Every structure is written in C-alpha cells, then in structure tokens.
Amino acid sequence: MNDNETLLQFPCKFPIKAMGLNSHDFDARVVEIVRRHLPNIPEGAVKSRVSKSAKYMSVTVTITAQSKGQLDAIYQDLTEAKEVVMAI
C-alpha cells in the first residue's frame, strides 16, 4: 500500500484521541486544534476522561472525516501542540 492508499472509505466517522496533562483547558485546546480543520463539530462529539491518578486527561473528538489528508493534517497539528503528549 502506498502513502495515498487507506483502508478507510470517506466520508466516515472517525474518533481522534489526544492525551496530555490534566488541566482546566486541555479539552478546549484539543477541540480548538480539531476545529481548524472541521469548524462545525457536532454536539456530543467531544468526550473527556481523566486518568485514575488525575494526572492525565484524554479527549476524544469523533468527526466525520472527509479524506486521509484531513486526518493527517489534524494529527500533525495535534502532535505539534506542546500540551499534547500523544494522539491516536
């Protein structure tokens, strides 16, 4: 499979998860980054969860992805954000 091929068929629902240190605005920061690529995130598309130790937070934003390029751009921006420890 080359770089432009994917097993996904677009458009499709796709959960994007970002993890970082638990802070009062981490979830808002993740949503802000995703909105650069998808301005209209639907109600109920964002779910946050704090780790058992309360040190970390994960934020999942379920979007309707339009292309592999769109997903790549979102992940690139998330991984470049200093607050984000990991994006999957």
C-alpha atoms as a PDB file:
ATOM      1  CA  MET A   1       0.000   0.000   0.000  1.00  0.00           C
ATOM      2  CA  ASN A   2       1.444   3.400  -0.893  1.00  0.00           C
ATOM      3  CA  ASP A   3       1.139   6.616   1.142  1.00  0.00           C
ATOM      4  CA  ASN A   4      -2.066   7.730  -0.584  1.00  0.00           C
ATOM      5  CA  GLU A   5      -3.947   4.478  -0.017  1.00  0.00           C
ATOM      6  CA  THR A   6      -6.071   3.802   3.031  1.00  0.00           C
ATOM      7  CA  LEU A   7      -8.462   1.129   4.215  1.00  0.00           C
ATOM      8  CA  LEU A   8     -10.975   3.822   5.164  1.00  0.00           C
ATOM      9  CA  GLN A   9     -13.787   4.886   2.858  1.00  0.00           C
ATOM     10  CA  PHE A  10     -14.547   8.585   3.062  1.00  0.00           C
ATOM     11  CA  PRO A  11     -16.564  10.256   4.396  1.00  0.00           C
ATOM     12  CA  CYS A  12     -16.558   8.214   7.597  1.00  0.00           C
ATOM     13  CA  LYS A  13     -16.950   8.612  11.347  1.00  0.00           C
ATOM     14  CA  PHE A  14     -13.528   8.692  12.956  1.00  0.00           C
ATOM     15  CA  PRO A  15     -12.553   9.095  16.626  1.00  0.00           C
ATOM     16  CA  ILE A  16      -9.475  11.228  17.253  1.00  0.00           C
ATOM     17  CA  LYS A  17      -7.955  10.864  20.719  1.00  0.00           C
ATOM     18  CA  ALA A  18      -5.412  13.202  22.272  1.00  0.00           C
ATOM     19  CA  MET A  19      -3.790  12.769  25.669  1.00  0.00           C
ATOM     20  CA  GLY A  20      -1.970  15.255  27.851  1.00  0.00           C
ATOM     21  CA  LEU A  21      -1.546  16.539  31.376  1.00  0.00           C
ATOM     22  CA  ASN A  22      -4.838  17.208  33.128  1.00  0.00           C
ATOM     23  CA  SER A  23      -5.522  20.943  33.046  1.00  0.00           C
ATOM     24  CA  HIS A  24      -8.642  23.055  33.093  1.00  0.00           C
ATOM     25  CA  ASP A  25      -8.311  23.915  29.401  1.00  0.00           C
ATOM     26  CA  PHE A  26      -6.763  20.817  27.804  1.00  0.00           C
ATOM     27  CA  ASP A  27     -10.051  19.652  26.296  1.00  0.00           C
ATOM     28  CA  ALA A  28     -10.765  23.127  24.898  1.00  0.00           C
ATOM     29  CA  ARG A  29      -7.281  23.238  23.353  1.00  0.00           C
ATOM     30  CA  VAL A  30      -7.779  19.875  21.625  1.00  0.00           C
ATOM     31  CA  VAL A  31     -11.160  20.996  20.259  1.00  0.00           C
ATOM     32  CA  GLU A  32      -9.607  24.273  19.068  1.00  0.00           C
ATOM     33  CA  ILE A  33      -6.983  22.338  17.094  1.00  0.00           C
ATOM     34  CA  VAL A  34      -9.553  19.996  15.517  1.00  0.00           C
ATOM     35  CA  ARG A  35     -11.786  22.974  14.614  1.00  0.00           C
ATOM     36  CA  ARG A  36      -9.014  24.369  12.404  1.00  0.00           C
ATOM     37  CA  HIS A  37      -9.834  21.513  10.044  1.00  0.00           C
ATOM     38  CA  LEU A  38     -13.510  20.936  10.832  1.00  0.00           C
ATOM     39  CA  PRO A  39     -15.211  24.109  12.096  1.00  0.00           C
ATOM     40  CA  ASN A  40     -18.592  22.507  12.850  1.00  0.00           C
ATOM     41  CA  ILE A  41     -18.013  19.826  15.453  1.00  0.00           C
ATOM     42  CA  PRO A  42     -21.434  18.393  16.331  1.00  0.00           C
ATOM     43  CA  GLU A  43     -22.921  18.425  19.811  1.00  0.00           C
ATOM     44  CA  GLY A  44     -21.887  15.344  21.781  1.00  0.00           C
ATOM     45  CA  ALA A  45     -18.813  14.679  19.611  1.00  0.00           C
ATOM     46  CA  VAL A  46     -16.338  15.502  22.395  1.00  0.00           C
ATOM     47  CA  LYS A  47     -15.707  13.213  25.354  1.00  0.00           C
ATOM     48  CA  SER A  48     -13.108  13.803  28.064  1.00  0.00           C
ATOM     49  CA  ARG A  49     -11.767  11.391  30.642  1.00  0.00           C
ATOM     50  CA  VAL A  50      -9.331  11.916  33.500  1.00  0.00           C
ATOM     51  CA  SER A  51      -6.875   9.160  34.426  1.00  0.00           C
ATOM     52  CA  LYS A  52      -7.234   7.247  37.677  1.00  0.00           C
ATOM     53  CA  SER A  53      -4.407   9.281  39.216  1.00  0.00           C
ATOM     54  CA  ALA A  54      -5.950  12.516  37.838  1.00  0.00           C
ATOM     55  CA  LYS A  55      -2.582  13.442  36.320  1.00  0.00           C
ATOM     56  CA  TYR A  56      -3.635  12.962  32.677  1.00  0.00           C
ATOM     57  CA  MET A  57      -6.675  13.654  30.536  1.00  0.00           C
ATOM     58  CA  SER A  58      -7.769  12.074  27.287  1.00  0.00           C
ATOM     59  CA  VAL A  59     -10.067  13.868  24.875  1.00  0.00           C
ATOM     60  CA  THR A  60     -11.840  12.032  22.080  1.00  0.00           C
ATOM     61  CA  VAL A  61     -13.403  14.023  19.258  1.00  0.00           C
ATOM     62  CA  THR A  62     -15.490  11.928  16.873  1.00  0.00           C
ATOM     63  CA  ILE A  63     -15.652  13.599  13.490  1.00  0.00           C
ATOM     64  CA  THR A  64     -16.904  12.809  10.018  1.00  0.00           C
ATOM     65  CA  ALA A  65     -13.599  12.649   8.187  1.00  0.00           C
ATOM     66  CA  GLN A  66     -13.638  13.714   4.557  1.00  0.00           C
ATOM     67  CA  SER A  67     -10.196  12.487   3.485  1.00  0.00           C
ATOM     68  CA  LYS A  68      -6.920  10.962   4.589  1.00  0.00           C
ATOM     69  CA  GLY A  69      -5.309  14.350   4.047  1.00  0.00           C
ATOM     70  CA  GLN A  70      -7.710  15.944   6.511  1.00  0.00           C
ATOM     71  CA  LEU A  71      -6.906  13.321   9.153  1.00  0.00           C
ATOM     72  CA  ASP A  72      -3.171  13.676   8.533  1.00  0.00           C
ATOM     73  CA  ALA A  73      -3.400  17.455   8.975  1.00  0.00           C
ATOM     74  CA  ILE A  74      -5.352  17.132  12.243  1.00  0.00           C
ATOM     75  CA  TYR A  75      -2.845  14.644  13.652  1.00  0.00           C
ATOM     76  CA  GLN A  76       0.065  16.819  12.539  1.00  0.00           C
ATOM     77  CA  ASP A  77      -1.354  19.837  14.389  1.00  0.00           C
ATOM     78  CA  LEU A  78      -2.146  17.780  17.483  1.00  0.00           C
ATOM     79  CA  THR A  79       1.329  16.268  17.693  1.00  0.00           C
ATOM     80  CA  GLU A  80       2.916  19.711  17.249  1.00  0.00           C
ATOM     81  CA  ALA A  81       0.939  21.143  20.185  1.00  0.00           C
ATOM     82  CA  LYS A  82       3.122  21.245  23.315  1.00  0.00           C
ATOM     83  CA  GLU A  83       0.183  20.265  25.535  1.00  0.00           C
ATOM     84  CA  VAL A  84      -0.455  17.022  23.679  1.00  0.00           C
ATOM     85  CA  VAL A  85       1.611  14.069  24.854  1.00  0.00           C
ATOM     86  CA  MET A  86       0.109  11.585  22.403  1.00  0.00           C
ATOM     87  CA  ALA A  87      -2.519  11.498  19.653  1.00  0.00           C
ATOM     88  CA  ILE A  88      -4.072   8.279  18.362  1.00  0.00           C
END
